Amino acid sequence: MANDDPEILASVGPRLRELRKRHGITLSQLAESTGVSVSTLSRLESGERKPTLELLLPLARAYQVPLDELVGAPPVGDPRVRLKPVTRHGSTIVPLTQQPGGPQAYKMVIPVTRSEPEPRTHEGYEWLYVLRGKLRLVLAEHDLVLKAGEAAEFDTRVPHWFGSTGDEPVEILSLFGPQGERMHIRAKPKTSTR
């Protein structure tokens, strides 16, 4: 096994013996159903044989349990991400990435009151996707309105501003590359119909 923690390895044998007894089968019956010899099964249960993936997989199938149960893997932790929203310029910003540097992802809720353009410039590259509402994007001489499901991308060294149209708040996803990294979207190429 990849993890040679002696405590984990020592607990596998008793766990295997308990499973076999719970299922009410003998070592001979188990050997017949798994293709693993009786002596190997006995040595696994007593801890004299080191468990390997090749030995544990047929046992997991025979007992109809996940491999994790055989090795006593720790339970999966709470998968929820605890995001800490911040408020800047009246907008609620929820950082979706935790690591520093590189592209950063944010969910933003922009209030209806943020509707007066104040174009700025800075290093970076931004990609915006509208989740709900209408986003007003001022980019150089362009003054655009993006609806839910629409996206835009731009170099942030170009004067830009985005906010609400003044009708309702707007929710967006923002991917920002601080050093000007562009977002790469991979699409399946069209196949020829010849």
N, C-alpha and C. Protein backbone atom coordinates (compact mmCIF):
# COMPACT_ATOMS: atom_id res chain seq x y z
N MET A 1 0.85 -1.18 0.00
CA MET A 1 0.00 0.00 0.00
C MET A 1 0.88 1.23 0.00
N ALA A 2 0.37 2.34 -0.58
CA ALA A 2 1.16 3.57 -0.70
C ALA A 2 1.51 4.12 0.67
N ASN A 3 0.57 4.05 1.61
CA ASN A 3 0.80 4.59 2.93
C ASN A 3 1.23 3.44 3.84
N ASP A 4 2.50 3.40 4.24
CA ASP A 4 3.00 2.32 5.07
C ASP A 4 2.94 2.65 6.55
N ASP A 5 1.93 3.35 6.99
CA ASP A 5 1.74 3.69 8.38
C ASP A 5 1.51 2.39 9.16
N PRO A 6 2.41 2.02 10.08
CA PRO A 6 2.29 0.74 10.79
C PRO A 6 0.96 0.59 11.54
N GLU A 7 0.44 1.68 12.07
CA GLU A 7 -0.82 1.61 12.81
C GLU A 7 -1.99 1.25 11.88
N ILE A 8 -2.00 1.87 10.70
CA ILE A 8 -3.05 1.57 9.72
C ILE A 8 -2.92 0.13 9.25
N LEU A 9 -1.70 -0.29 8.93
CA LEU A 9 -1.49 -1.65 8.44
C LEU A 9 -1.86 -2.68 9.50
N ALA A 10 -1.56 -2.42 10.77
CA ALA A 10 -1.88 -3.36 11.84
C ALA A 10 -3.39 -3.52 12.03
N SER A 11 -4.16 -2.51 11.68
CA SER A 11 -5.62 -2.59 11.88
C SER A 11 -6.34 -3.31 10.75
N VAL A 12 -5.67 -3.55 9.62
CA VAL A 12 -6.33 -4.18 8.47
C VAL A 12 -6.69 -5.63 8.77
N GLY A 13 -5.76 -6.40 9.34
CA GLY A 13 -6.01 -7.82 9.64
C GLY A 13 -7.24 -8.05 10.49
N PRO A 14 -7.32 -7.43 11.67
CA PRO A 14 -8.52 -7.62 12.50
C PRO A 14 -9.81 -7.19 11.79
N ARG A 15 -9.72 -6.15 10.98
CA ARG A 15 -10.89 -5.69 10.24
C ARG A 15 -11.34 -6.76 9.24
N LEU A 16 -10.36 -7.37 8.56
CA LEU A 16 -10.68 -8.43 7.59
C LEU A 16 -11.31 -9.64 8.30
N ARG A 17 -10.76 -10.02 9.44
CA ARG A 17 -11.31 -11.16 10.19
C ARG A 17 -12.74 -10.85 10.63
N GLU A 18 -12.97 -9.63 11.12
CA GLU A 18 -14.32 -9.23 11.57
C GLU A 18 -15.31 -9.28 10.41
N LEU A 19 -14.91 -8.79 9.25
CA LEU A 19 -15.80 -8.82 8.08
C LEU A 19 -16.14 -10.26 7.67
N ARG A 20 -15.13 -11.12 7.68
CA ARG A 20 -15.37 -12.52 7.30
C ARG A 20 -16.34 -13.19 8.28
N LYS A 21 -16.14 -12.95 9.57
CA LYS A 21 -17.03 -13.56 10.57
C LYS A 21 -18.44 -12.98 10.47
N ARG A 22 -18.53 -11.68 10.22
CA ARG A 22 -19.84 -11.04 10.07
C ARG A 22 -20.60 -11.64 8.89
N HIS A 23 -19.89 -11.99 7.84
CA HIS A 23 -20.51 -12.60 6.66
C HIS A 23 -20.73 -14.10 6.83
N GLY A 24 -20.18 -14.68 7.92
CA GLY A 24 -20.38 -16.10 8.22
C GLY A 24 -19.77 -17.04 7.20
N ILE A 25 -18.55 -16.71 6.74
CA ILE A 25 -17.89 -17.58 5.77
C ILE A 25 -16.54 -18.04 6.31
N THR A 26 -16.09 -19.15 5.81
CA THR A 26 -14.80 -19.70 6.23
C THR A 26 -13.70 -19.15 5.33
N LEU A 27 -12.46 -19.38 5.76
CA LEU A 27 -11.31 -18.97 4.93
C LEU A 27 -11.35 -19.72 3.60
N SER A 28 -11.74 -20.98 3.62
CA SER A 28 -11.80 -21.78 2.38
C SER A 28 -12.83 -21.20 1.42
N GLN A 29 -14.01 -20.83 1.94
CA GLN A 29 -15.04 -20.26 1.08
C GLN A 29 -14.58 -18.91 0.50
N LEU A 30 -13.91 -18.13 1.32
CA LEU A 30 -13.42 -16.84 0.87
C LEU A 30 -12.32 -17.02 -0.19
N ALA A 31 -11.44 -17.99 0.02
CA ALA A 31 -10.38 -18.27 -0.95
C ALA A 31 -10.99 -18.68 -2.29
N GLU A 32 -12.03 -19.47 -2.24
CA GLU A 32 -12.68 -19.91 -3.48
C GLU A 32 -13.32 -18.74 -4.23
N SER A 33 -13.92 -17.82 -3.50
CA SER A 33 -14.61 -16.70 -4.18
C SER A 33 -13.66 -15.59 -4.62
N THR A 34 -12.47 -15.49 -4.00
CA THR A 34 -11.55 -14.39 -4.34
C THR A 34 -10.36 -14.82 -5.18
N GLY A 35 -10.03 -16.12 -5.14
CA GLY A 35 -8.84 -16.58 -5.84
C GLY A 35 -7.57 -16.34 -5.04
N VAL A 36 -7.70 -15.92 -3.78
CA VAL A 36 -6.56 -15.70 -2.89
C VAL A 36 -6.44 -16.95 -2.02
N SER A 37 -5.25 -17.50 -1.87
CA SER A 37 -5.07 -18.76 -1.14
C SER A 37 -5.47 -18.61 0.34
N VAL A 38 -5.85 -19.76 0.94
CA VAL A 38 -6.24 -19.80 2.35
C VAL A 38 -5.09 -19.31 3.22
N SER A 39 -3.87 -19.76 2.91
CA SER A 39 -2.73 -19.36 3.75
C SER A 39 -2.49 -17.84 3.67
N THR A 40 -2.64 -17.26 2.47
CA THR A 40 -2.46 -15.81 2.33
C THR A 40 -3.54 -15.06 3.11
N LEU A 41 -4.78 -15.53 3.01
CA LEU A 41 -5.89 -14.90 3.76
C LEU A 41 -5.64 -14.98 5.26
N SER A 42 -5.19 -16.14 5.72
CA SER A 42 -4.92 -16.33 7.15
C SER A 42 -3.81 -15.39 7.62
N ARG A 43 -2.73 -15.29 6.82
CA ARG A 43 -1.63 -14.41 7.19
C ARG A 43 -2.05 -12.94 7.14
N LEU A 44 -2.94 -12.55 6.20
CA LEU A 44 -3.47 -11.18 6.16
C LEU A 44 -4.23 -10.87 7.45
N GLU A 45 -5.10 -11.80 7.84
CA GLU A 45 -5.93 -11.58 9.03
C GLU A 45 -5.09 -11.53 10.30
N SER A 46 -4.00 -12.29 10.35
CA SER A 46 -3.17 -12.31 11.56
C SER A 46 -2.14 -11.18 11.58
N GLY A 47 -2.01 -10.47 10.44
CA GLY A 47 -1.04 -9.38 10.37
C GLY A 47 0.34 -9.82 9.95
N GLU A 48 0.51 -11.10 9.61
CA GLU A 48 1.81 -11.61 9.18
C GLU A 48 2.09 -11.28 7.71
N ARG A 49 1.06 -10.91 6.97
CA ARG A 49 1.22 -10.55 5.55
C ARG A 49 0.78 -9.11 5.36
N LYS A 50 1.61 -8.36 4.68
CA LYS A 50 1.31 -6.95 4.42
C LYS A 50 0.19 -6.85 3.37
N PRO A 51 -0.86 -6.09 3.65
CA PRO A 51 -1.94 -5.95 2.66
C PRO A 51 -1.48 -5.14 1.45
N THR A 52 -1.86 -5.61 0.28
CA THR A 52 -1.56 -4.88 -0.96
C THR A 52 -2.87 -4.66 -1.70
N LEU A 53 -2.84 -3.77 -2.63
CA LEU A 53 -4.03 -3.48 -3.42
C LEU A 53 -4.52 -4.73 -4.15
N GLU A 54 -3.58 -5.52 -4.68
CA GLU A 54 -3.94 -6.74 -5.41
C GLU A 54 -4.68 -7.73 -4.52
N LEU A 55 -4.39 -7.74 -3.23
CA LEU A 55 -5.08 -8.64 -2.30
C LEU A 55 -6.38 -8.04 -1.77
N LEU A 56 -6.39 -6.73 -1.57
CA LEU A 56 -7.57 -6.10 -0.97
C LEU A 56 -8.72 -5.91 -1.95
N LEU A 57 -8.43 -5.69 -3.23
CA LEU A 57 -9.51 -5.48 -4.20
C LEU A 57 -10.47 -6.66 -4.29
N PRO A 58 -9.97 -7.91 -4.44
CA PRO A 58 -10.92 -9.02 -4.49
C PRO A 58 -11.68 -9.20 -3.18
N LEU A 59 -11.05 -8.87 -2.05
CA LEU A 59 -11.74 -8.97 -0.76
C LEU A 59 -12.85 -7.93 -0.66
N ALA A 60 -12.58 -6.72 -1.13
CA ALA A 60 -13.61 -5.67 -1.11
C ALA A 60 -14.80 -6.09 -1.97
N ARG A 61 -14.51 -6.71 -3.13
CA ARG A 61 -15.60 -7.19 -3.99
C ARG A 61 -16.38 -8.31 -3.30
N ALA A 62 -15.67 -9.24 -2.69
CA ALA A 62 -16.32 -10.38 -2.04
C ALA A 62 -17.22 -9.93 -0.89
N TYR A 63 -16.76 -8.95 -0.13
CA TYR A 63 -17.55 -8.45 1.00
C TYR A 63 -18.54 -7.35 0.60
N GLN A 64 -18.42 -6.88 -0.65
CA GLN A 64 -19.26 -5.80 -1.18
C GLN A 64 -19.18 -4.55 -0.30
N VAL A 65 -17.93 -4.15 -0.03
CA VAL A 65 -17.67 -2.94 0.76
C VAL A 65 -16.65 -2.10 0.01
N PRO A 66 -16.65 -0.80 0.24
CA PRO A 66 -15.62 0.04 -0.38
C PRO A 66 -14.24 -0.31 0.18
N LEU A 67 -13.23 -0.15 -0.64
CA LEU A 67 -11.85 -0.41 -0.23
C LEU A 67 -11.50 0.40 1.03
N ASP A 68 -12.04 1.63 1.11
CA ASP A 68 -11.79 2.48 2.28
C ASP A 68 -12.17 1.79 3.59
N GLU A 69 -13.24 1.01 3.55
CA GLU A 69 -13.68 0.32 4.77
C GLU A 69 -12.68 -0.75 5.19
N LEU A 70 -12.05 -1.41 4.23
CA LEU A 70 -11.07 -2.45 4.56
C LEU A 70 -9.84 -1.87 5.23
N VAL A 71 -9.42 -0.70 4.79
CA VAL A 71 -8.19 -0.12 5.35
C VAL A 71 -8.45 0.89 6.45
N GLY A 72 -9.72 1.13 6.75
CA GLY A 72 -10.04 2.07 7.83
C GLY A 72 -9.69 3.49 7.50
N ALA A 73 -9.97 3.89 6.24
CA ALA A 73 -9.69 5.27 5.83
C ALA A 73 -10.49 6.23 6.70
N PRO A 74 -9.93 7.39 7.00
CA PRO A 74 -10.67 8.36 7.82
C PRO A 74 -11.91 8.84 7.06
N PRO A 75 -12.95 9.20 7.79
CA PRO A 75 -14.15 9.69 7.12
C PRO A 75 -13.86 10.99 6.36
N VAL A 76 -14.63 11.20 5.32
CA VAL A 76 -14.49 12.42 4.53
C VAL A 76 -14.90 13.60 5.40
N GLY A 77 -14.10 14.64 5.37
CA GLY A 77 -14.39 15.84 6.15
C GLY A 77 -15.52 16.65 5.55
N ASP A 78 -15.90 17.66 6.23
CA ASP A 78 -16.96 18.56 5.78
C ASP A 78 -16.52 19.22 4.47
N PRO A 79 -17.25 19.00 3.36
CA PRO A 79 -16.82 19.53 2.07
C PRO A 79 -17.16 20.99 1.83
N ARG A 80 -17.92 21.58 2.75
CA ARG A 80 -18.35 22.96 2.52
C ARG A 80 -17.17 23.93 2.57
N VAL A 81 -17.19 24.87 1.67
CA VAL A 81 -16.18 25.93 1.64
C VAL A 81 -16.73 27.09 2.45
N ARG A 82 -15.97 27.55 3.40
CA ARG A 82 -16.40 28.67 4.24
C ARG A 82 -15.87 29.96 3.64
N LEU A 83 -16.70 30.58 2.84
CA LEU A 83 -16.29 31.81 2.16
C LEU A 83 -16.58 33.01 3.04
N LYS A 84 -15.67 33.96 3.03
CA LYS A 84 -15.83 35.17 3.84
C LYS A 84 -16.03 36.36 2.91
N PRO A 85 -17.29 36.80 2.76
CA PRO A 85 -17.54 37.95 1.88
C PRO A 85 -16.95 39.23 2.45
N VAL A 86 -16.56 40.12 1.54
CA VAL A 86 -16.11 41.46 1.93
C VAL A 86 -16.94 42.47 1.15
N THR A 87 -17.01 43.68 1.66
CA THR A 87 -17.74 44.73 0.97
C THR A 87 -16.77 45.82 0.55
N ARG A 88 -16.79 46.14 -0.77
CA ARG A 88 -15.93 47.20 -1.31
C ARG A 88 -16.75 48.04 -2.26
N HIS A 89 -16.72 49.33 -2.07
CA HIS A 89 -17.46 50.26 -2.93
C HIS A 89 -18.93 49.88 -3.03
N GLY A 90 -19.49 49.36 -1.95
CA GLY A 90 -20.90 48.97 -1.92
C GLY A 90 -21.18 47.60 -2.48
N SER A 91 -20.21 46.96 -3.13
CA SER A 91 -20.41 45.62 -3.71
C SER A 91 -19.99 44.55 -2.71
N THR A 92 -20.70 43.44 -2.72
CA THR A 92 -20.32 42.30 -1.90
C THR A 92 -19.47 41.39 -2.78
N ILE A 93 -18.26 41.08 -2.31
CA ILE A 93 -17.32 40.28 -3.07
C ILE A 93 -16.99 39.03 -2.27
N VAL A 94 -17.18 37.86 -2.91
CA VAL A 94 -16.89 36.58 -2.27
C VAL A 94 -15.72 35.93 -3.02
N PRO A 95 -14.52 35.89 -2.41
CA PRO A 95 -13.39 35.24 -3.08
C PRO A 95 -13.65 33.73 -3.17
N LEU A 96 -13.49 33.17 -4.36
CA LEU A 96 -13.73 31.74 -4.57
C LEU A 96 -12.43 30.94 -4.62
N THR A 97 -11.30 31.64 -4.69
CA THR A 97 -10.00 30.97 -4.69
C THR A 97 -9.29 31.32 -3.39
N GLN A 98 -8.52 30.38 -2.90
CA GLN A 98 -7.83 30.58 -1.62
C GLN A 98 -6.33 30.80 -1.76
N GLN A 99 -5.73 30.34 -2.86
CA GLN A 99 -4.28 30.42 -3.01
C GLN A 99 -3.88 31.79 -3.54
N PRO A 100 -2.75 32.31 -3.07
CA PRO A 100 -2.27 33.60 -3.57
C PRO A 100 -1.64 33.47 -4.94
N GLY A 101 -1.63 34.56 -5.68
CA GLY A 101 -1.01 34.58 -6.99
C GLY A 101 -1.85 33.87 -8.03
N GLY A 102 -1.53 34.10 -9.29
CA GLY A 102 -2.26 33.46 -10.37
C GLY A 102 -3.67 33.99 -10.49
N PRO A 103 -4.44 33.44 -11.43
CA PRO A 103 -5.81 33.91 -11.60
C PRO A 103 -6.65 33.70 -10.34
N GLN A 104 -7.48 34.67 -10.06
CA GLN A 104 -8.36 34.64 -8.89
C GLN A 104 -9.81 34.64 -9.36
N ALA A 105 -10.68 33.95 -8.64
CA ALA A 105 -12.10 33.90 -8.97
C ALA A 105 -12.91 34.55 -7.86
N TYR A 106 -13.92 35.30 -8.25
CA TYR A 106 -14.78 36.00 -7.30
C TYR A 106 -16.23 35.91 -7.75
N LYS A 107 -17.13 35.87 -6.79
CA LYS A 107 -18.54 36.11 -7.07
C LYS A 107 -18.80 37.50 -6.52
N MET A 108 -19.47 38.33 -7.32
CA MET A 108 -19.75 39.71 -6.89
C MET A 108 -21.24 40.00 -6.99
N VAL A 109 -21.74 40.69 -6.00
CA VAL A 109 -23.10 41.21 -6.04
C VAL A 109 -22.96 42.73 -6.02
N ILE A 110 -23.36 43.35 -7.14
CA ILE A 110 -23.19 44.79 -7.32
C ILE A 110 -24.55 45.45 -7.09
N PRO A 111 -24.62 46.41 -6.17
CA PRO A 111 -25.90 47.03 -5.86
C PRO A 111 -26.42 47.92 -6.98
N VAL A 112 -27.70 48.16 -6.96
CA VAL A 112 -28.36 49.00 -7.96
C VAL A 112 -27.77 50.42 -7.94
N THR A 113 -27.26 50.84 -6.79
CA THR A 113 -26.73 52.21 -6.65
C THR A 113 -25.38 52.40 -7.34
N ARG A 114 -24.67 51.32 -7.66
CA ARG A 114 -23.37 51.45 -8.35
C ARG A 114 -23.66 51.47 -9.86
N SER A 115 -24.05 52.66 -10.34
CA SER A 115 -24.45 52.75 -11.74
C SER A 115 -23.80 53.92 -12.47
N GLU A 116 -22.96 54.68 -11.78
CA GLU A 116 -22.28 55.84 -12.39
C GLU A 116 -20.85 55.45 -12.75
N PRO A 117 -20.50 55.40 -14.04
CA PRO A 117 -19.17 54.95 -14.46
C PRO A 117 -18.03 55.79 -13.89
N GLU A 118 -16.99 55.10 -13.43
CA GLU A 118 -15.73 55.70 -13.00
C GLU A 118 -14.60 54.84 -13.55
N PRO A 119 -14.31 54.94 -14.86
CA PRO A 119 -13.30 54.07 -15.48
C PRO A 119 -11.94 54.18 -14.81
N ARG A 120 -11.28 53.01 -14.70
CA ARG A 120 -9.93 52.92 -14.11
C ARG A 120 -9.09 51.97 -14.95
N THR A 121 -7.81 51.98 -14.68
CA THR A 121 -6.90 51.04 -15.34
C THR A 121 -5.99 50.42 -14.28
N HIS A 122 -5.53 49.23 -14.55
CA HIS A 122 -4.55 48.56 -13.69
C HIS A 122 -4.02 47.35 -14.45
N GLU A 123 -2.96 46.75 -13.95
CA GLU A 123 -2.39 45.56 -14.56
C GLU A 123 -3.37 44.39 -14.41
N GLY A 124 -3.44 43.56 -15.43
CA GLY A 124 -4.23 42.34 -15.31
C GLY A 124 -5.11 42.08 -16.51
N TYR A 125 -5.87 41.01 -16.39
CA TYR A 125 -6.80 40.61 -17.43
C TYR A 125 -8.03 40.07 -16.71
N GLU A 126 -9.23 40.47 -17.16
CA GLU A 126 -10.45 40.09 -16.45
C GLU A 126 -11.44 39.41 -17.39
N TRP A 127 -12.15 38.44 -16.82
CA TRP A 127 -13.21 37.73 -17.52
C TRP A 127 -14.44 37.81 -16.62
N LEU A 128 -15.57 38.28 -17.15
CA LEU A 128 -16.80 38.45 -16.37
C LEU A 128 -17.91 37.59 -16.95
N TYR A 129 -18.71 36.99 -16.09
CA TYR A 129 -19.88 36.21 -16.50
C TYR A 129 -21.06 36.65 -15.66
N VAL A 130 -22.17 37.05 -16.31
CA VAL A 130 -23.34 37.55 -15.59
C VAL A 130 -24.22 36.37 -15.17
N LEU A 131 -24.45 36.28 -13.86
CA LEU A 131 -25.31 35.23 -13.30
C LEU A 131 -26.77 35.68 -13.24
N ARG A 132 -26.99 36.93 -12.79
CA ARG A 132 -28.35 37.45 -12.62
C ARG A 132 -28.32 38.95 -12.80
N GLY A 133 -29.37 39.48 -13.40
CA GLY A 133 -29.48 40.92 -13.61
C GLY A 133 -28.80 41.36 -14.89
N LYS A 134 -28.54 42.67 -15.00
CA LYS A 134 -27.88 43.24 -16.18
C LYS A 134 -26.66 44.02 -15.72
N LEU A 135 -25.53 43.72 -16.37
CA LEU A 135 -24.26 44.35 -16.03
C LEU A 135 -23.95 45.41 -17.09
N ARG A 136 -23.66 46.62 -16.62
CA ARG A 136 -23.20 47.66 -17.53
C ARG A 136 -21.68 47.64 -17.51
N LEU A 137 -21.08 47.50 -18.69
CA LEU A 137 -19.63 47.46 -18.83
C LEU A 137 -19.20 48.61 -19.73
N VAL A 138 -18.37 49.50 -19.18
CA VAL A 138 -17.79 50.58 -19.97
C VAL A 138 -16.33 50.21 -20.16
N LEU A 139 -15.94 50.05 -21.45
CA LEU A 139 -14.60 49.63 -21.79
C LEU A 139 -14.12 50.51 -22.93
N ALA A 140 -13.18 51.44 -22.60
CA ALA A 140 -12.71 52.44 -23.57
C ALA A 140 -13.94 53.17 -24.13
N GLU A 141 -14.16 53.12 -25.46
CA GLU A 141 -15.31 53.84 -26.04
C GLU A 141 -16.58 53.00 -26.07
N HIS A 142 -16.52 51.75 -25.61
CA HIS A 142 -17.70 50.87 -25.60
C HIS A 142 -18.50 51.05 -24.32
N ASP A 143 -19.82 51.08 -24.46
CA ASP A 143 -20.74 51.13 -23.32
C ASP A 143 -21.76 50.02 -23.57
N LEU A 144 -21.58 48.88 -22.90
CA LEU A 144 -22.35 47.67 -23.19
C LEU A 144 -23.22 47.27 -22.01
N VAL A 145 -24.30 46.53 -22.30
CA VAL A 145 -25.13 45.92 -21.27
C VAL A 145 -25.11 44.42 -21.52
N LEU A 146 -24.68 43.66 -20.52
CA LEU A 146 -24.64 42.20 -20.60
C LEU A 146 -25.75 41.63 -19.74
N LYS A 147 -26.47 40.65 -20.28
CA LYS A 147 -27.56 40.00 -19.55
C LYS A 147 -27.07 38.68 -18.97
N ALA A 148 -27.89 38.06 -18.12
CA ALA A 148 -27.57 36.77 -17.52
C ALA A 148 -27.17 35.78 -18.61
N GLY A 149 -26.04 35.10 -18.40
CA GLY A 149 -25.54 34.13 -19.36
C GLY A 149 -24.53 34.69 -20.33
N GLU A 150 -24.33 36.00 -20.33
CA GLU A 150 -23.34 36.60 -21.23
C GLU A 150 -22.03 36.82 -20.49
N ALA A 151 -20.95 36.86 -21.27
CA ALA A 151 -19.61 37.02 -20.71
C ALA A 151 -18.83 38.05 -21.50
N ALA A 152 -17.81 38.60 -20.87
CA ALA A 152 -16.90 39.54 -21.53
C ALA A 152 -15.51 39.31 -20.96
N GLU A 153 -14.49 39.62 -21.75
CA GLU A 153 -13.12 39.56 -21.27
C GLU A 153 -12.35 40.74 -21.81
N PHE A 154 -11.40 41.24 -21.01
CA PHE A 154 -10.66 42.42 -21.45
C PHE A 154 -9.37 42.59 -20.67
N ASP A 155 -8.47 43.32 -21.27
CA ASP A 155 -7.21 43.70 -20.65
C ASP A 155 -7.53 44.87 -19.72
N THR A 156 -7.19 44.77 -18.45
CA THR A 156 -7.54 45.81 -17.48
C THR A 156 -6.67 47.06 -17.59
N ARG A 157 -5.70 47.06 -18.50
CA ARG A 157 -4.94 48.29 -18.74
C ARG A 157 -5.74 49.24 -19.62
N VAL A 158 -6.84 48.73 -20.21
CA VAL A 158 -7.78 49.58 -20.97
C VAL A 158 -8.73 50.20 -19.95
N PRO A 159 -9.01 51.51 -20.03
CA PRO A 159 -9.95 52.11 -19.08
C PRO A 159 -11.27 51.35 -19.07
N HIS A 160 -11.70 50.93 -17.86
CA HIS A 160 -12.91 50.12 -17.75
C HIS A 160 -13.64 50.40 -16.44
N TRP A 161 -14.91 50.06 -16.47
CA TRP A 161 -15.77 50.15 -15.28
C TRP A 161 -16.93 49.19 -15.52
N PHE A 162 -17.41 48.56 -14.46
CA PHE A 162 -18.63 47.76 -14.59
C PHE A 162 -19.47 47.93 -13.35
N GLY A 163 -20.77 47.88 -13.54
CA GLY A 163 -21.71 48.07 -12.44
C GLY A 163 -23.12 47.72 -12.89
N SER A 164 -24.08 48.17 -12.11
CA SER A 164 -25.49 47.93 -12.40
C SER A 164 -25.98 48.89 -13.48
N THR A 165 -27.04 48.50 -14.17
CA THR A 165 -27.67 49.40 -15.14
C THR A 165 -28.52 50.44 -14.41
N GLY A 166 -28.70 50.26 -13.11
CA GLY A 166 -29.53 51.18 -12.33
C GLY A 166 -30.94 50.64 -12.11
N ASP A 167 -31.26 49.49 -12.75
CA ASP A 167 -32.59 48.91 -12.61
C ASP A 167 -32.67 47.91 -11.46
N GLU A 168 -31.60 47.15 -11.26
CA GLU A 168 -31.60 46.09 -10.24
C GLU A 168 -30.16 45.73 -9.91
N PRO A 169 -29.92 45.05 -8.77
CA PRO A 169 -28.57 44.57 -8.48
C PRO A 169 -28.17 43.54 -9.53
N VAL A 170 -26.90 43.30 -9.66
CA VAL A 170 -26.40 42.32 -10.62
C VAL A 170 -25.40 41.39 -9.93
N GLU A 171 -25.48 40.10 -10.26
CA GLU A 171 -24.55 39.10 -9.72
C GLU A 171 -23.67 38.62 -10.86
N ILE A 172 -22.37 38.58 -10.61
CA ILE A 172 -21.43 38.14 -11.65
C ILE A 172 -20.37 37.22 -11.05
N LEU A 173 -19.74 36.45 -11.93
CA LEU A 173 -18.51 35.74 -11.60
C LEU A 173 -17.39 36.50 -12.28
N SER A 174 -16.30 36.69 -11.59
CA SER A 174 -15.15 37.40 -12.14
C SER A 174 -13.91 36.53 -11.99
N LEU A 175 -13.20 36.34 -13.10
CA LEU A 175 -11.89 35.69 -13.06
C LEU A 175 -10.89 36.77 -13.42
N PHE A 176 -9.91 36.94 -12.55
CA PHE A 176 -8.96 38.03 -12.73
C PHE A 176 -7.54 37.49 -12.67
N GLY A 177 -6.76 37.77 -13.71
CA GLY A 177 -5.34 37.41 -13.73
C GLY A 177 -4.52 38.65 -13.45
N PRO A 178 -3.88 38.75 -12.28
CA PRO A 178 -3.18 39.98 -11.90
C PRO A 178 -1.99 40.35 -12.78
N GLN A 179 -1.34 39.39 -13.41
CA GLN A 179 -0.20 39.69 -14.25
C GLN A 179 -0.57 39.67 -15.73
N GLY A 180 -1.85 39.75 -16.01
CA GLY A 180 -2.28 39.79 -17.39
C GLY A 180 -2.50 38.42 -17.99
N GLU A 181 -2.56 37.36 -17.13
CA GLU A 181 -2.82 36.03 -17.68
C GLU A 181 -4.22 36.00 -18.26
N ARG A 182 -4.33 35.47 -19.45
CA ARG A 182 -5.64 35.32 -20.08
C ARG A 182 -6.24 34.00 -19.63
N MET A 183 -7.55 33.95 -19.59
CA MET A 183 -8.24 32.72 -19.28
C MET A 183 -8.25 31.86 -20.54
N HIS A 184 -7.99 30.59 -20.39
CA HIS A 184 -7.95 29.69 -21.53
C HIS A 184 -9.19 28.82 -21.52
N ILE A 185 -9.96 28.90 -22.60
CA ILE A 185 -11.16 28.08 -22.72
C ILE A 185 -10.87 27.04 -23.80
N ARG A 186 -11.02 25.79 -23.44
CA ARG A 186 -10.78 24.72 -24.39
C ARG A 186 -12.12 24.23 -24.90
N ALA A 187 -12.25 24.13 -26.20
CA ALA A 187 -13.48 23.65 -26.81
C ALA A 187 -13.14 22.50 -27.74
N LYS A 188 -14.05 21.56 -27.83
CA LYS A 188 -13.87 20.42 -28.72
C LYS A 188 -13.94 20.93 -30.16
N PRO A 189 -12.93 20.59 -30.99
CA PRO A 189 -12.96 21.06 -32.37
C PRO A 189 -14.11 20.42 -33.15
N LYS A 190 -14.63 21.17 -34.12
CA LYS A 190 -15.68 20.61 -34.97
C LYS A 190 -15.08 19.49 -35.80
N THR A 191 -15.87 18.43 -35.96
CA THR A 191 -15.39 17.31 -36.77
C THR A 191 -15.88 17.49 -38.20
N SER A 192 -15.09 17.03 -39.10
CA SER A 192 -15.41 17.14 -40.51
C SER A 192 -16.57 16.21 -40.84
N THR A 193 -17.47 16.65 -41.72
CA THR A 193 -18.63 15.83 -42.09
C THR A 193 -18.44 15.18 -43.45
N ARG A 194 -17.20 14.92 -43.81
CA ARG A 194 -16.91 14.30 -45.12
C ARG A 194 -17.27 12.85 -45.13
